[in-house]
Amino acid sequence: MFFIRTHVHAFDFPTSFNDGHIHYMKAFTMRAPTGVNHVHRYSGITTLNDGHIHRFRGITGPALPLPGGDHYHLMQGQTSFSDGHIHSYRGRTGGSIPGRS
């Protein structure tokens, strides 16, 4: 059986401060191939703050090298509209977490 080496990345960072509060985005990217130039899709739901949540989804930027041969990805975008407003976000993933599929 042939396995493609894949990996994911964790991320955990705050949204912008809007309407008197922030939310946190904490999740994992979707899997992508290891060892080639790539991006990751991601989606999730923010933390519950001020009585509501926001949804988010997007595609990371390309892989950026870390010392020791690993890499990370930049992320930015806007959340869904909820409770009369949106939040913007900008952050980065952690290093890669190996897996296979």
PDB file of N, CA and C in Angstrom:
ATOM      1  N   MET A   1       0.837  -1.172   0.000  1.00  0.00           N
ATOM      2  CA  MET A   1       0.000   0.000   0.000  1.00  0.00           C
ATOM      3  C   MET A   1       0.888   1.243   0.000  1.00  0.00           C
ATOM      4  N   PHE A   2       0.507   2.262  -0.738  1.00  0.00           N
ATOM      5  CA  PHE A   2       1.268   3.499  -0.873  1.00  0.00           C
ATOM      6  C   PHE A   2       0.649   4.578   0.011  1.00  0.00           C
ATOM      7  N   PHE A   3       1.462   5.210   0.841  1.00  0.00           N
ATOM      8  CA  PHE A   3       0.988   6.295   1.697  1.00  0.00           C
ATOM      9  C   PHE A   3       1.630   7.607   1.275  1.00  0.00           C
ATOM     10  N   ILE A   4       0.846   8.652   1.240  1.00  0.00           N
ATOM     11  CA  ILE A   4       1.356   9.996   0.998  1.00  0.00           C
ATOM     12  C   ILE A   4       1.619  10.624   2.355  1.00  0.00           C
ATOM     13  N   ARG A   5       2.827  11.101   2.556  1.00  0.00           N
ATOM     14  CA  ARG A   5       3.144  11.773   3.816  1.00  0.00           C
ATOM     15  C   ARG A   5       2.459  13.139   3.831  1.00  0.00           C
ATOM     16  N   THR A   6       1.716  13.391   4.891  1.00  0.00           N
ATOM     17  CA  THR A   6       1.004  14.663   5.043  1.00  0.00           C
ATOM     18  C   THR A   6       1.283  15.232   6.422  1.00  0.00           C
ATOM     19  N   HIS A   7       0.823  16.439   6.631  1.00  0.00           N
ATOM     20  CA  HIS A   7       0.961  17.081   7.930  1.00  0.00           C
ATOM     21  C   HIS A   7      -0.123  18.142   8.092  1.00  0.00           C
ATOM     22  N   VAL A   8      -0.278  18.589   9.335  1.00  0.00           N
ATOM     23  CA  VAL A   8      -1.181  19.679   9.685  1.00  0.00           C
ATOM     24  C   VAL A   8      -0.401  20.682  10.522  1.00  0.00           C
ATOM     25  N   HIS A   9      -1.039  21.799  10.832  1.00  0.00           N
ATOM     26  CA  HIS A   9      -0.468  22.808  11.722  1.00  0.00           C
ATOM     27  C   HIS A   9      -1.545  23.246  12.703  1.00  0.00           C
ATOM     28  N   ALA A  10      -1.153  23.471  13.947  1.00  0.00           N
ATOM     29  CA  ALA A  10      -2.055  24.073  14.928  1.00  0.00           C
ATOM     30  C   ALA A  10      -1.941  25.591  14.830  1.00  0.00           C
ATOM     31  N   PHE A  11      -3.007  26.281  15.206  1.00  0.00           N
ATOM     32  CA  PHE A  11      -2.941  27.731  15.323  1.00  0.00           C
ATOM     33  C   PHE A  11      -3.802  28.186  16.483  1.00  0.00           C
ATOM     34  N   ASP A  12      -3.431  29.308  17.077  1.00  0.00           N
ATOM     35  CA  ASP A  12      -4.121  29.840  18.254  1.00  0.00           C
ATOM     36  C   ASP A  12      -3.757  31.315  18.370  1.00  0.00           C
ATOM     37  N   PHE A  13      -4.663  32.191  17.972  1.00  0.00           N
ATOM     38  CA  PHE A  13      -4.413  33.630  18.070  1.00  0.00           C
ATOM     39  C   PHE A  13      -5.738  34.381  18.145  1.00  0.00           C
ATOM     40  N   PRO A  14      -5.697  35.658  18.591  1.00  0.00           N
ATOM     41  CA  PRO A  14      -6.926  36.436  18.747  1.00  0.00           C
ATOM     42  C   PRO A  14      -7.358  37.120  17.460  1.00  0.00           C
ATOM     43  N   THR A  15      -8.630  37.474  17.422  1.00  0.00           N
ATOM     44  CA  THR A  15      -9.169  38.322  16.352  1.00  0.00           C
ATOM     45  C   THR A  15      -8.914  39.776  16.720  1.00  0.00           C
ATOM     46  N   SER A  16      -9.324  40.671  15.853  1.00  0.00           N
ATOM     47  CA  SER A  16      -9.273  42.103  16.153  1.00  0.00           C
ATOM     48  C   SER A  16     -10.277  42.434  17.263  1.00  0.00           C
ATOM     49  N   PHE A  17     -10.065  43.578  17.883  1.00  0.00           N
ATOM     50  CA  PHE A  17     -10.965  44.099  18.913  1.00  0.00           C
ATOM     51  C   PHE A  17     -12.051  44.902  18.215  1.00  0.00           C
ATOM     52  N   ASN A  18     -13.268  44.403  18.227  1.00  0.00           N
ATOM     53  CA  ASN A  18     -14.404  45.082  17.588  1.00  0.00           C
ATOM     54  C   ASN A  18     -15.602  44.991  18.517  1.00  0.00           C
ATOM     55  N   ASP A  19     -16.422  45.997  18.516  1.00  0.00           N
ATOM     56  CA  ASP A  19     -17.654  46.000  19.304  1.00  0.00           C
ATOM     57  C   ASP A  19     -17.375  45.695  20.783  1.00  0.00           C
ATOM     58  N   GLY A  20     -16.211  46.120  21.275  1.00  0.00           N
ATOM     59  CA  GLY A  20     -15.876  45.970  22.692  1.00  0.00           C
ATOM     60  C   GLY A  20     -15.322  44.628  23.120  1.00  0.00           C
ATOM     61  N   HIS A  21     -14.925  43.770  22.181  1.00  0.00           N
ATOM     62  CA  HIS A  21     -14.417  42.449  22.576  1.00  0.00           C
ATOM     63  C   HIS A  21     -13.556  41.831  21.465  1.00  0.00           C
ATOM     64  N   ILE A  22     -12.886  40.731  21.801  1.00  0.00           N
ATOM     65  CA  ILE A  22     -12.149  39.909  20.846  1.00  0.00           C
ATOM     66  C   ILE A  22     -12.656  38.474  20.959  1.00  0.00           C
ATOM     67  N   HIS A  23     -12.249  37.649  20.037  1.00  0.00           N
ATOM     68  CA  HIS A  23     -12.477  36.206  20.084  1.00  0.00           C
ATOM     69  C   HIS A  23     -11.122  35.543  19.860  1.00  0.00           C
ATOM     70  N   TYR A  24     -11.026  34.268  20.179  1.00  0.00           N
ATOM     71  CA  TYR A  24      -9.815  33.504  19.869  1.00  0.00           C
ATOM     72  C   TYR A  24     -10.135  32.450  18.825  1.00  0.00           C
ATOM     73  N   MET A  25      -9.173  32.228  17.961  1.00  0.00           N
ATOM     74  CA  MET A  25      -9.267  31.205  16.913  1.00  0.00           C
ATOM     75  C   MET A  25      -8.258  30.120  17.261  1.00  0.00           C
ATOM     76  N   LYS A  26      -8.735  28.928  17.541  1.00  0.00           N
ATOM     77  CA  LYS A  26      -7.859  27.829  17.939  1.00  0.00           C
ATOM     78  C   LYS A  26      -8.328  26.571  17.224  1.00  0.00           C
ATOM     79  N   ALA A  27      -7.479  26.019  16.350  1.00  0.00           N
ATOM     80  CA  ALA A  27      -7.859  24.833  15.581  1.00  0.00           C
ATOM     81  C   ALA A  27      -6.617  24.269  14.887  1.00  0.00           C
ATOM     82  N   PHE A  28      -6.848  23.362  13.957  1.00  0.00           N
ATOM     83  CA  PHE A  28      -5.805  22.777  13.121  1.00  0.00           C
ATOM     84  C   PHE A  28      -6.142  23.040  11.659  1.00  0.00           C
ATOM     85  N   THR A  29      -5.112  23.184  10.851  1.00  0.00           N
ATOM     86  CA  THR A  29      -5.331  23.266   9.409  1.00  0.00           C
ATOM     87  C   THR A  29      -5.758  21.897   8.895  1.00  0.00           C
ATOM     88  N   MET A  30      -6.199  21.844   7.668  1.00  0.00           N
ATOM     89  CA  MET A  30      -6.450  20.561   7.011  1.00  0.00           C
ATOM     90  C   MET A  30      -5.109  20.014   6.509  1.00  0.00           C
ATOM     91  N   ARG A  31      -5.065  18.737   6.230  1.00  0.00           N
ATOM     92  CA  ARG A  31      -3.826  18.077   5.814  1.00  0.00           C
ATOM     93  C   ARG A  31      -3.348  18.581   4.461  1.00  0.00           C
ATOM     94  N   ALA A  32      -2.020  18.573   4.291  1.00  0.00           N
ATOM     95  CA  ALA A  32      -1.401  18.904   3.003  1.00  0.00           C
ATOM     96  C   ALA A  32      -0.160  18.027   2.849  1.00  0.00           C
ATOM     97  N   PRO A  33       0.305  17.812   1.623  1.00  0.00           N
ATOM     98  CA  PRO A  33       1.475  16.964   1.387  1.00  0.00           C
ATOM     99  C   PRO A  33       2.742  17.529   2.029  1.00  0.00           C
ATOM    100  N   THR A  34       3.564  16.651   2.532  1.00  0.00           N
ATOM    101  CA  THR A  34       4.848  17.022   3.120  1.00  0.00           C
ATOM    102  C   THR A  34       5.927  16.977   2.047  1.00  0.00           C
ATOM    103  N   GLY A  35       6.867  17.924   2.116  1.00  0.00           N
ATOM    104  CA  GLY A  35       8.026  17.897   1.230  1.00  0.00           C
ATOM    105  C   GLY A  35       7.849  18.597  -0.102  1.00  0.00           C
ATOM    106  N   VAL A  36       6.727  19.263  -0.318  1.00  0.00           N
ATOM    107  CA  VAL A  36       6.500  20.020  -1.555  1.00  0.00           C
ATOM    108  C   VAL A  36       5.967  21.405  -1.179  1.00  0.00           C
ATOM    109  N   ASN A  37       6.075  22.361  -2.087  1.00  0.00           N
ATOM    110  CA  ASN A  37       5.503  23.680  -1.839  1.00  0.00           C
ATOM    111  C   ASN A  37       3.985  23.519  -1.728  1.00  0.00           C
ATOM    112  N   HIS A  38       3.371  24.122  -0.717  1.00  0.00           N
ATOM    113  CA  HIS A  38       1.959  23.866  -0.469  1.00  0.00           C
ATOM    114  C   HIS A  38       1.338  24.973   0.368  1.00  0.00           C
ATOM    115  N   VAL A  39       0.012  24.958   0.459  1.00  0.00           N
ATOM    116  CA  VAL A  39      -0.791  25.770   1.361  1.00  0.00           C
ATOM    117  C   VAL A  39      -1.758  24.816   2.058  1.00  0.00           C
ATOM    118  N   HIS A  40      -2.455  25.312   3.069  1.00  0.00           N
ATOM    119  CA  HIS A  40      -3.453  24.514   3.790  1.00  0.00           C
ATOM    120  C   HIS A  40      -4.778  25.259   3.810  1.00  0.00           C
ATOM    121  N   ARG A  41      -5.862  24.529   3.711  1.00  0.00           N
ATOM    122  CA  ARG A  41      -7.188  25.080   3.971  1.00  0.00           C
ATOM    123  C   ARG A  41      -7.417  24.999   5.478  1.00  0.00           C
ATOM    124  N   TYR A  42      -8.262  25.880   5.986  1.00  0.00           N
ATOM    125  CA  TYR A  42      -8.617  25.838   7.402  1.00  0.00           C
ATOM    126  C   TYR A  42     -10.030  26.382   7.574  1.00  0.00           C
ATOM    127  N   SER A  43     -10.674  25.987   8.647  1.00  0.00           N
ATOM    128  CA  SER A  43     -11.995  26.503   8.990  1.00  0.00           C
ATOM    129  C   SER A  43     -12.245  26.221  10.459  1.00  0.00           C
ATOM    130  N   GLY A  44     -13.188  26.956  11.022  1.00  0.00           N
ATOM    131  CA  GLY A  44     -13.508  26.734  12.421  1.00  0.00           C
ATOM    132  C   GLY A  44     -14.497  27.749  12.944  1.00  0.00           C
ATOM    133  N   ILE A  45     -14.640  27.730  14.256  1.00  0.00           N
ATOM    134  CA  ILE A  45     -15.539  28.613  14.983  1.00  0.00           C
ATOM    135  C   ILE A  45     -14.733  29.278  16.082  1.00  0.00           C
ATOM    136  N   THR A  46     -14.903  30.579  16.260  1.00  0.00           N
ATOM    137  CA  THR A  46     -14.188  31.298  17.310  1.00  0.00           C
ATOM    138  C   THR A  46     -14.721  30.900  18.683  1.00  0.00           C
ATOM    139  N   THR A  47     -14.006  31.363  19.700  1.00  0.00           N
ATOM    140  CA  THR A  47     -14.503  31.216  21.061  1.00  0.00           C
ATOM    141  C   THR A  47     -15.783  32.034  21.234  1.00  0.00           C
ATOM    142  N   LEU A  48     -16.574  31.652  22.206  1.00  0.00           N
ATOM    143  CA  LEU A  48     -17.806  32.355  22.550  1.00  0.00           C
ATOM    144  C   LEU A  48     -17.433  33.549  23.428  1.00  0.00           C
ATOM    145  N   ASN A  49     -17.651  34.749  22.931  1.00  0.00           N
ATOM    146  CA  ASN A  49     -17.394  35.962  23.693  1.00  0.00           C
ATOM    147  C   ASN A  49     -18.546  36.925  23.424  1.00  0.00           C
ATOM    148  N   ASP A  50     -18.925  37.695  24.395  1.00  0.00           N
ATOM    149  CA  ASP A  50     -20.000  38.677  24.255  1.00  0.00           C
ATOM    150  C   ASP A  50     -21.292  38.019  23.764  1.00  0.00           C
ATOM    151  N   GLY A  51     -21.497  36.749  24.127  1.00  0.00           N
ATOM    152  CA  GLY A  51     -22.737  36.043  23.817  1.00  0.00           C
ATOM    153  C   GLY A  51     -22.868  35.510  22.400  1.00  0.00           C
ATOM    154  N   HIS A  52     -21.784  35.452  21.637  1.00  0.00           N
ATOM    155  CA  HIS A  52     -21.881  34.949  20.262  1.00  0.00           C
ATOM    156  C   HIS A  52     -20.528  34.387  19.795  1.00  0.00           C
ATOM    157  N   ILE A  53     -20.570  33.726  18.646  1.00  0.00           N
ATOM    158  CA  ILE A  53     -19.381  33.175  17.985  1.00  0.00           C
ATOM    159  C   ILE A  53     -19.320  33.714  16.569  1.00  0.00           C
ATOM    160  N   HIS A  54     -18.207  33.470  15.900  1.00  0.00           N
ATOM    161  CA  HIS A  54     -18.053  33.759  14.474  1.00  0.00           C
ATOM    162  C   HIS A  54     -17.447  32.533  13.813  1.00  0.00           C
ATOM    163  N   ARG A  55     -17.775  32.320  12.576  1.00  0.00           N
ATOM    164  CA  ARG A  55     -17.144  31.267  11.778  1.00  0.00           C
ATOM    165  C   ARG A  55     -16.011  31.886  10.970  1.00  0.00           C
ATOM    166  N   PHE A  56     -15.022  31.064  10.646  1.00  0.00           N
ATOM    167  CA  PHE A  56     -13.926  31.531   9.797  1.00  0.00           C
ATOM    168  C   PHE A  56     -13.475  30.397   8.895  1.00  0.00           C
ATOM    169  N   ARG A  57     -12.898  30.756   7.762  1.00  0.00           N
ATOM    170  CA  ARG A  57     -12.322  29.772   6.858  1.00  0.00           C
ATOM    171  C   ARG A  57     -11.404  30.495   5.887  1.00  0.00           C
ATOM    172  N   GLY A  58     -10.462  29.761   5.318  1.00  0.00           N
ATOM    173  CA  GLY A  58      -9.541  30.378   4.379  1.00  0.00           C
ATOM    174  C   GLY A  58      -8.474  29.416   3.924  1.00  0.00           C
ATOM    175  N   ILE A  59      -7.465  29.981   3.294  1.00  0.00           N
ATOM    176  CA  ILE A  59      -6.304  29.232   2.812  1.00  0.00           C
ATOM    177  C   ILE A  59      -5.075  29.968   3.313  1.00  0.00           C
ATOM    178  N   THR A  60      -4.141  29.236   3.895  1.00  0.00           N
ATOM    179  CA  THR A  60      -2.917  29.847   4.406  1.00  0.00           C
ATOM    180  C   THR A  60      -2.067  30.375   3.264  1.00  0.00           C
ATOM    181  N   GLY A  61      -1.081  31.164   3.627  1.00  0.00           N
ATOM    182  CA  GLY A  61      -0.044  31.530   2.681  1.00  0.00           C
ATOM    183  C   GLY A  61       0.886  30.341   2.469  1.00  0.00           C
ATOM    184  N   PRO A  62       1.884  30.471   1.575  1.00  0.00           N
ATOM    185  CA  PRO A  62       2.821  29.378   1.317  1.00  0.00           C
ATOM    186  C   PRO A  62       3.714  29.100   2.531  1.00  0.00           C
ATOM    187  N   ALA A  63       4.365  27.967   2.518  1.00  0.00           N
ATOM    188  CA  ALA A  63       5.251  27.557   3.605  1.00  0.00           C
ATOM    189  C   ALA A  63       6.423  28.526   3.739  1.00  0.00           C
ATOM    190  N   LEU A  64       6.719  28.917   4.982  1.00  0.00           N
ATOM    191  CA  LEU A  64       7.854  29.780   5.294  1.00  0.00           C
ATOM    192  C   LEU A  64       8.797  29.013   6.213  1.00  0.00           C
ATOM    193  N   PRO A  65      10.095  29.000   5.912  1.00  0.00           N
ATOM    194  CA  PRO A  65      11.016  28.143   6.649  1.00  0.00           C
ATOM    195  C   PRO A  65      11.225  28.559   8.105  1.00  0.00           C
ATOM    196  N   LEU A  66      11.411  27.563   8.947  1.00  0.00           N
ATOM    197  CA  LEU A  66      11.820  27.736  10.330  1.00  0.00           C
ATOM    198  C   LEU A  66      13.220  27.141  10.478  1.00  0.00           C
ATOM    199  N   PRO A  67      13.993  27.581  11.468  1.00  0.00           N
ATOM    200  CA  PRO A  67      15.292  26.949  11.712  1.00  0.00           C
ATOM    201  C   PRO A  67      15.113  25.449  11.974  1.00  0.00           C
ATOM    202  N   GLY A  68      16.005  24.655  11.467  1.00  0.00           N
ATOM    203  CA  GLY A  68      15.923  23.208  11.671  1.00  0.00           C
ATOM    204  C   GLY A  68      15.159  22.477  10.593  1.00  0.00           C
ATOM    205  N   GLY A  69      14.677  23.186   9.576  1.00  0.00           N
ATOM    206  CA  GLY A  69      14.046  22.514   8.450  1.00  0.00           C
ATOM    207  C   GLY A  69      12.529  22.461   8.465  1.00  0.00           C
ATOM    208  N   ASP A  70      11.887  22.868   9.540  1.00  0.00           N
ATOM    209  CA  ASP A  70      10.423  22.870   9.574  1.00  0.00           C
ATOM    210  C   ASP A  70       9.904  24.145   8.907  1.00  0.00           C
ATOM    211  N   HIS A  71       8.615  24.383   8.968  1.00  0.00           N
ATOM    212  CA  HIS A  71       8.028  25.557   8.348  1.00  0.00           C
ATOM    213  C   HIS A  71       6.733  25.950   9.062  1.00  0.00           C
ATOM    214  N   TYR A  72       6.236  27.141   8.741  1.00  0.00           N
ATOM    215  CA  TYR A  72       4.964  27.640   9.250  1.00  0.00           C
ATOM    216  C   TYR A  72       4.248  28.360   8.113  1.00  0.00           C
ATOM    217  N   HIS A  73       3.020  28.810   8.370  1.00  0.00           N
ATOM    218  CA  HIS A  73       2.218  29.512   7.362  1.00  0.00           C
ATOM    219  C   HIS A  73       1.567  30.740   7.991  1.00  0.00           C
ATOM    220  N   LEU A  74       1.443  31.815   7.222  1.00  0.00           N
ATOM    221  CA  LEU A  74       0.713  33.002   7.660  1.00  0.00           C
ATOM    222  C   LEU A  74      -0.763  32.851   7.316  1.00  0.00           C
ATOM    223  N   MET A  75      -1.611  33.460   8.134  1.00  0.00           N
ATOM    224  CA  MET A  75      -3.054  33.390   7.948  1.00  0.00           C
ATOM    225  C   MET A  75      -3.635  34.779   8.157  1.00  0.00           C
ATOM    226  N   GLN A  76      -4.584  35.161   7.328  1.00  0.00           N
ATOM    227  CA  GLN A  76      -5.294  36.419   7.545  1.00  0.00           C
ATOM    228  C   GLN A  76      -6.646  36.370   6.858  1.00  0.00           C
ATOM    229  N   GLY A  77      -7.577  37.158   7.367  1.00  0.00           N
ATOM    230  CA  GLY A  77      -8.904  37.190   6.772  1.00  0.00           C
ATOM    231  C   GLY A  77      -9.889  37.881   7.685  1.00  0.00           C
ATOM    232  N   GLN A  78     -11.166  37.578   7.473  1.00  0.00           N
ATOM    233  CA  GLN A  78     -12.249  38.125   8.273  1.00  0.00           C
ATOM    234  C   GLN A  78     -13.188  37.005   8.689  1.00  0.00           C
ATOM    235  N   THR A  79     -13.772  37.170   9.861  1.00  0.00           N
ATOM    236  CA  THR A  79     -14.753  36.203  10.342  1.00  0.00           C
ATOM    237  C   THR A  79     -16.094  36.446   9.659  1.00  0.00           C
ATOM    238  N   SER A  80     -17.024  35.556   9.918  1.00  0.00           N
ATOM    239  CA  SER A  80     -18.400  35.749   9.452  1.00  0.00           C
ATOM    240  C   SER A  80     -19.054  36.891  10.234  1.00  0.00           C
ATOM    241  N   PHE A  81     -20.128  37.396   9.689  1.00  0.00           N
ATOM    242  CA  PHE A  81     -20.923  38.459  10.309  1.00  0.00           C
ATOM    243  C   PHE A  81     -21.793  37.828  11.397  1.00  0.00           C
ATOM    244  N   SER A  82     -21.695  38.343  12.610  1.00  0.00           N
ATOM    245  CA  SER A  82     -22.512  37.831  13.710  1.00  0.00           C
ATOM    246  C   SER A  82     -22.698  38.946  14.730  1.00  0.00           C
ATOM    247  N   ASP A  83     -23.861  39.048  15.327  1.00  0.00           N
ATOM    248  CA  ASP A  83     -24.148  40.054  16.351  1.00  0.00           C
ATOM    249  C   ASP A  83     -23.863  41.471  15.841  1.00  0.00           C
ATOM    250  N   GLY A  84     -24.067  41.702  14.548  1.00  0.00           N
ATOM    251  CA  GLY A  84     -23.935  43.029  13.973  1.00  0.00           C
ATOM    252  C   GLY A  84     -22.534  43.457  13.574  1.00  0.00           C
ATOM    253  N   HIS A  85     -21.571  42.536  13.557  1.00  0.00           N
ATOM    254  CA  HIS A  85     -20.205  42.931  13.212  1.00  0.00           C
ATOM    255  C   HIS A  85     -19.379  41.735  12.733  1.00  0.00           C
ATOM    256  N   ILE A  86     -18.193  42.022  12.220  1.00  0.00           N
ATOM    257  CA  ILE A  86     -17.189  41.016  11.872  1.00  0.00           C
ATOM    258  C   ILE A  86     -15.909  41.344  12.641  1.00  0.00           C
ATOM    259  N   HIS A  87     -14.958  40.433  12.603  1.00  0.00           N
ATOM    260  CA  HIS A  87     -13.614  40.657  13.141  1.00  0.00           C
ATOM    261  C   HIS A  87     -12.622  40.312  12.043  1.00  0.00           C
ATOM    262  N   SER A  88     -11.520  41.001  12.004  1.00  0.00           N
ATOM    263  CA  SER A  88     -10.426  40.608  11.126  1.00  0.00           C
ATOM    264  C   SER A  88      -9.433  39.810  11.964  1.00  0.00           C
ATOM    265  N   TYR A  89      -8.568  39.069  11.288  1.00  0.00           N
ATOM    266  CA  TYR A  89      -7.537  38.315  12.001  1.00  0.00           C
ATOM    267  C   TYR A  89      -6.279  38.238  11.153  1.00  0.00           C
ATOM    268  N   ARG A  90      -5.184  38.111  11.849  1.00  0.00           N
ATOM    269  CA  ARG A  90      -3.878  37.929  11.222  1.00  0.00           C
ATOM    270  C   ARG A  90      -3.024  37.164  12.224  1.00  0.00           C
ATOM    271  N   GLY A  91      -2.458  36.060  11.787  1.00  0.00           N
ATOM    272  CA  GLY A  91      -1.642  35.248  12.680  1.00  0.00           C
ATOM    273  C   GLY A  91      -0.814  34.269  11.888  1.00  0.00           C
ATOM    274  N   ARG A  92      -0.289  33.283  12.587  1.00  0.00           N
ATOM    275  CA  ARG A  92       0.533  32.266  11.946  1.00  0.00           C
ATOM    276  C   ARG A  92       0.317  30.925  12.619  1.00  0.00           C
ATOM    277  N   THR A  93       0.605  29.898  11.876  1.00  0.00           N
ATOM    278  CA  THR A  93       0.520  28.544  12.418  1.00  0.00           C
ATOM    279  C   THR A  93       1.775  28.253  13.224  1.00  0.00           C
ATOM    280  N   GLY A  94       1.730  27.178  13.948  1.00  0.00           N
ATOM    281  CA  GLY A  94       2.939  26.617  14.546  1.00  0.00           C
ATOM    282  C   GLY A  94       3.637  25.755  13.506  1.00  0.00           C
ATOM    283  N   GLY A  95       4.651  25.034  13.918  1.00  0.00           N
ATOM    284  CA  GLY A  95       5.353  24.109  13.041  1.00  0.00           C
ATOM    285  C   GLY A  95       4.478  22.944  12.632  1.00  0.00           C
ATOM    286  N   SER A  96       4.985  22.127  11.750  1.00  0.00           N
ATOM    287  CA  SER A  96       4.186  21.027  11.202  1.00  0.00           C
ATOM    288  C   SER A  96       4.039  19.881  12.196  1.00  0.00           C
ATOM    289  N   ILE A  97       2.901  19.204  12.109  1.00  0.00           N
ATOM    290  CA  ILE A  97       2.600  18.020  12.910  1.00  0.00           C
ATOM    291  C   ILE A  97       2.431  16.873  11.912  1.00  0.00           C
ATOM    292  N   PRO A  98       3.376  15.910  11.901  1.00  0.00           N
ATOM    293  CA  PRO A  98       3.346  14.855  10.867  1.00  0.00           C
ATOM    294  C   PRO A  98       2.141  13.926  10.993  1.00  0.00           C
ATOM    295  N   GLY A  99       1.800  13.357   9.863  1.00  0.00           N
ATOM    296  CA  GLY A  99       0.753  12.352   9.774  1.00  0.00           C
ATOM    297  C   GLY A  99       0.858  11.688   8.421  1.00  0.00           C
ATOM    298  N   ARG A 100      -0.085  10.853   8.096  1.00  0.00           N
ATOM    299  CA  ARG A 100      -0.108  10.266   6.751  1.00  0.00           C
ATOM    300  C   ARG A 100      -1.524   9.885   6.401  1.00  0.00           C
ATOM    301  N   SER A 101      -1.776   9.824   5.128  1.00  0.00           N
ATOM    302  CA  SER A 101      -3.123   9.432   4.683  1.00  0.00           C
ATOM    303  C   SER A 101      -3.023   8.634   3.419  1.00  0.00           C
TER     304      SER A 101
END
